[in-house]
């Protein structure tokens, strides 16, 4: 793009609606970040980060085949 085209594009985008949209996008990104942090904290309270002594999974028994 030519410098004149870039300047013209910048000028055409500098409208109140574009500014409001940009502010709303920034606000939503911030809100998403805050909510993600809160959900992560809640998840950590529900699940321990590391279980030092996990219970072994029960061994599965082979299916019995009927005798003929």
N, C-alpha and C. Protein backbone atom coordinates (compact mmCIF):
# COMPACT_ATOMS: atom_id res chain seq x y z
N UNK A 1 0.84 -1.19 0.00
CA UNK A 1 0.00 0.00 0.00
C UNK A 1 0.88 1.24 0.00
N UNK A 2 0.39 2.24 -0.65
CA UNK A 2 1.09 3.51 -0.68
C UNK A 2 0.82 4.26 0.62
N UNK A 3 1.76 5.10 1.03
CA UNK A 3 1.54 5.87 2.27
C UNK A 3 0.25 6.70 2.23
N UNK A 4 -0.10 7.21 1.06
CA UNK A 4 -1.33 8.01 0.96
C UNK A 4 -2.56 7.12 1.23
N UNK A 5 -2.51 5.88 0.73
CA UNK A 5 -3.63 4.96 0.93
C UNK A 5 -3.77 4.59 2.42
N UNK A 6 -2.63 4.40 3.06
CA UNK A 6 -2.65 4.05 4.48
C UNK A 6 -3.24 5.21 5.28
N UNK A 7 -2.82 6.43 4.98
CA UNK A 7 -3.33 7.60 5.68
C UNK A 7 -4.84 7.75 5.45
N UNK A 8 -5.27 7.52 4.24
CA UNK A 8 -6.69 7.62 3.90
C UNK A 8 -7.50 6.55 4.66
N UNK A 9 -6.95 5.34 4.74
CA UNK A 9 -7.63 4.26 5.46
C UNK A 9 -7.73 4.60 6.95
N UNK A 10 -6.66 5.10 7.53
CA UNK A 10 -6.69 5.49 8.94
C UNK A 10 -7.76 6.54 9.19
N UNK A 11 -7.82 7.53 8.29
CA UNK A 11 -8.80 8.60 8.45
C UNK A 11 -10.23 8.05 8.34
N UNK A 12 -10.44 7.13 7.41
CA UNK A 12 -11.79 6.58 7.22
C UNK A 12 -12.22 5.71 8.41
N UNK A 13 -11.25 5.14 9.13
CA UNK A 13 -11.58 4.29 10.28
C UNK A 13 -11.72 5.08 11.58
N UNK A 14 -11.32 6.33 11.57
CA UNK A 14 -11.37 7.14 12.79
C UNK A 14 -12.77 7.73 12.97
N UNK A 15 -13.73 6.86 13.21
CA UNK A 15 -15.11 7.30 13.43
C UNK A 15 -15.52 6.95 14.86
N UNK A 16 -16.51 7.66 15.38
CA UNK A 16 -16.98 7.35 16.74
C UNK A 16 -17.44 5.89 16.89
N UNK A 17 -18.07 5.34 15.87
CA UNK A 17 -18.54 3.95 15.96
C UNK A 17 -17.38 2.98 16.06
N UNK A 18 -16.34 3.20 15.27
CA UNK A 18 -15.16 2.33 15.33
C UNK A 18 -14.49 2.44 16.69
N UNK A 19 -14.42 3.65 17.23
CA UNK A 19 -13.82 3.83 18.56
C UNK A 19 -14.65 3.12 19.63
N UNK A 20 -15.97 3.23 19.55
CA UNK A 20 -16.83 2.53 20.53
C UNK A 20 -16.66 1.02 20.40
N UNK A 21 -16.59 0.53 19.18
CA UNK A 21 -16.40 -0.91 18.98
C UNK A 21 -15.07 -1.37 19.56
N UNK A 22 -14.02 -0.58 19.32
CA UNK A 22 -12.70 -0.94 19.85
C UNK A 22 -12.72 -0.95 21.37
N UNK A 23 -13.38 0.04 21.99
CA UNK A 23 -13.48 0.07 23.45
C UNK A 23 -14.25 -1.14 23.97
N UNK A 24 -15.30 -1.51 23.28
CA UNK A 24 -16.09 -2.67 23.68
C UNK A 24 -15.28 -3.96 23.56
N UNK A 25 -14.50 -4.07 22.50
CA UNK A 25 -13.66 -5.26 22.31
C UNK A 25 -12.64 -5.36 23.44
N UNK A 26 -12.00 -4.24 23.78
CA UNK A 26 -11.02 -4.24 24.87
C UNK A 26 -11.69 -4.62 26.18
N UNK A 27 -12.90 -4.09 26.42
CA UNK A 27 -13.63 -4.40 27.66
C UNK A 27 -13.97 -5.89 27.72
N UNK A 28 -14.40 -6.46 26.59
CA UNK A 28 -14.76 -7.88 26.57
C UNK A 28 -13.53 -8.77 26.76
N UNK A 29 -12.41 -8.37 26.19
CA UNK A 29 -11.17 -9.14 26.39
C UNK A 29 -10.78 -9.12 27.86
N UNK A 30 -10.86 -7.94 28.48
CA UNK A 30 -10.53 -7.82 29.90
C UNK A 30 -11.47 -8.69 30.74
N UNK A 31 -12.77 -8.60 30.46
CA UNK A 31 -13.76 -9.36 31.21
C UNK A 31 -13.53 -10.87 31.05
N UNK A 32 -13.19 -11.30 29.85
CA UNK A 32 -12.90 -12.71 29.61
C UNK A 32 -11.69 -13.15 30.43
N UNK A 33 -10.68 -12.30 30.50
CA UNK A 33 -9.49 -12.62 31.28
C UNK A 33 -9.83 -12.77 32.77
N UNK A 34 -10.62 -11.84 33.29
CA UNK A 34 -11.01 -11.89 34.69
C UNK A 34 -11.82 -13.15 34.97
N UNK A 35 -12.77 -13.45 34.10
CA UNK A 35 -13.62 -14.64 34.31
C UNK A 35 -12.80 -15.92 34.21
N UNK A 36 -11.83 -15.95 33.30
CA UNK A 36 -10.97 -17.12 33.17
C UNK A 36 -10.18 -17.34 34.45
N UNK A 37 -9.64 -16.26 35.01
CA UNK A 37 -8.89 -16.36 36.27
C UNK A 37 -9.79 -16.88 37.39
N UNK A 38 -11.02 -16.36 37.47
CA UNK A 38 -11.94 -16.81 38.52
C UNK A 38 -12.30 -18.27 38.35
N UNK A 39 -12.54 -18.69 37.12
CA UNK A 39 -12.88 -20.10 36.88
C UNK A 39 -11.70 -21.01 37.20
N UNK A 40 -10.50 -20.55 36.89
CA UNK A 40 -9.31 -21.35 37.20
C UNK A 40 -9.18 -21.54 38.71
N UNK A 41 -9.43 -20.47 39.47
CA UNK A 41 -9.35 -20.56 40.93
C UNK A 41 -10.40 -21.52 41.46
N UNK A 42 -11.61 -21.46 40.93
CA UNK A 42 -12.67 -22.36 41.37
C UNK A 42 -12.33 -23.80 41.02
N UNK A 43 -11.78 -24.02 39.85
CA UNK A 43 -11.40 -25.36 39.44
C UNK A 43 -10.32 -25.93 40.36
N UNK A 44 -9.38 -25.09 40.74
CA UNK A 44 -8.31 -25.55 41.63
C UNK A 44 -8.84 -25.93 43.01
N UNK A 45 -9.92 -25.28 43.45
CA UNK A 45 -10.49 -25.65 44.75
C UNK A 45 -11.27 -26.96 44.65
N UNK A 46 -11.76 -27.28 43.44
CA UNK A 46 -12.51 -28.52 43.27
C UNK A 46 -11.59 -29.72 43.03
N UNK A 47 -10.48 -29.48 42.36
CA UNK A 47 -9.56 -30.57 42.04
C UNK A 47 -8.18 -30.23 42.58
N UNK A 48 -7.58 -31.14 43.34
CA UNK A 48 -6.21 -30.87 43.76
C UNK A 48 -5.30 -30.84 42.52
N UNK A 49 -4.32 -29.96 42.57
CA UNK A 49 -3.41 -29.81 41.43
C UNK A 49 -2.63 -31.10 41.19
N UNK A 50 -2.26 -31.79 42.27
CA UNK A 50 -1.46 -33.01 42.13
C UNK A 50 -1.85 -33.96 43.23
N UNK A 51 -2.20 -35.17 42.88
CA UNK A 51 -2.56 -36.19 43.86
C UNK A 51 -1.32 -37.03 44.11
N UNK A 52 -0.68 -36.87 45.29
CA UNK A 52 0.58 -37.59 45.53
C UNK A 52 0.42 -39.11 45.59
N UNK A 53 -0.76 -39.61 45.98
CA UNK A 53 -0.95 -41.05 46.11
C UNK A 53 -2.27 -41.44 45.46
N UNK A 54 -2.32 -41.46 44.14
CA UNK A 54 -3.59 -41.80 43.50
C UNK A 54 -3.93 -43.27 43.71
N UNK A 55 -5.24 -43.55 43.78
CA UNK A 55 -5.67 -44.94 43.93
C UNK A 55 -5.47 -45.66 42.61
N UNK A 56 -4.99 -46.90 42.65
CA UNK A 56 -4.83 -47.63 41.39
C UNK A 56 -6.19 -47.94 40.78
N UNK A 57 -6.23 -47.91 39.48
CA UNK A 57 -7.48 -48.23 38.79
C UNK A 57 -7.78 -49.70 38.99
N UNK A 58 -9.05 -50.05 39.16
CA UNK A 58 -9.38 -51.47 39.34
C UNK A 58 -9.02 -52.26 38.08
N UNK A 59 -8.45 -53.44 38.31
CA UNK A 59 -8.08 -54.27 37.16
C UNK A 59 -9.34 -54.83 36.54
N UNK A 60 -9.39 -54.76 35.24
CA UNK A 60 -10.58 -55.28 34.58
C UNK A 60 -10.44 -56.80 34.44
N UNK A 61 -11.56 -57.48 34.65
CA UNK A 61 -11.56 -58.93 34.54
C UNK A 61 -11.96 -59.31 33.12
N UNK A 62 -11.35 -60.35 32.59
CA UNK A 62 -11.75 -60.77 31.25
C UNK A 62 -13.19 -61.27 31.27
N UNK A 63 -13.89 -61.00 30.22
CA UNK A 63 -15.28 -61.44 30.13
C UNK A 63 -15.33 -62.96 30.09
N UNK A 64 -16.29 -63.54 30.82
CA UNK A 64 -16.44 -64.99 30.82
C UNK A 64 -17.15 -65.42 29.54
N UNK A 65 -16.63 -66.46 28.97
CA UNK A 65 -17.28 -67.00 27.77
C UNK A 65 -18.13 -68.18 28.21
N UNK A 66 -19.34 -68.27 27.68
CA UNK A 66 -20.20 -69.39 28.09
C UNK A 66 -19.63 -70.72 27.59
N UNK A 67 -19.78 -71.74 28.44
CA UNK A 67 -19.28 -73.08 28.06
C UNK A 67 -20.36 -73.80 27.29
N UNK A 68 -19.93 -74.60 26.34
CA UNK A 68 -20.89 -75.38 25.55
C UNK A 68 -20.85 -76.82 25.93
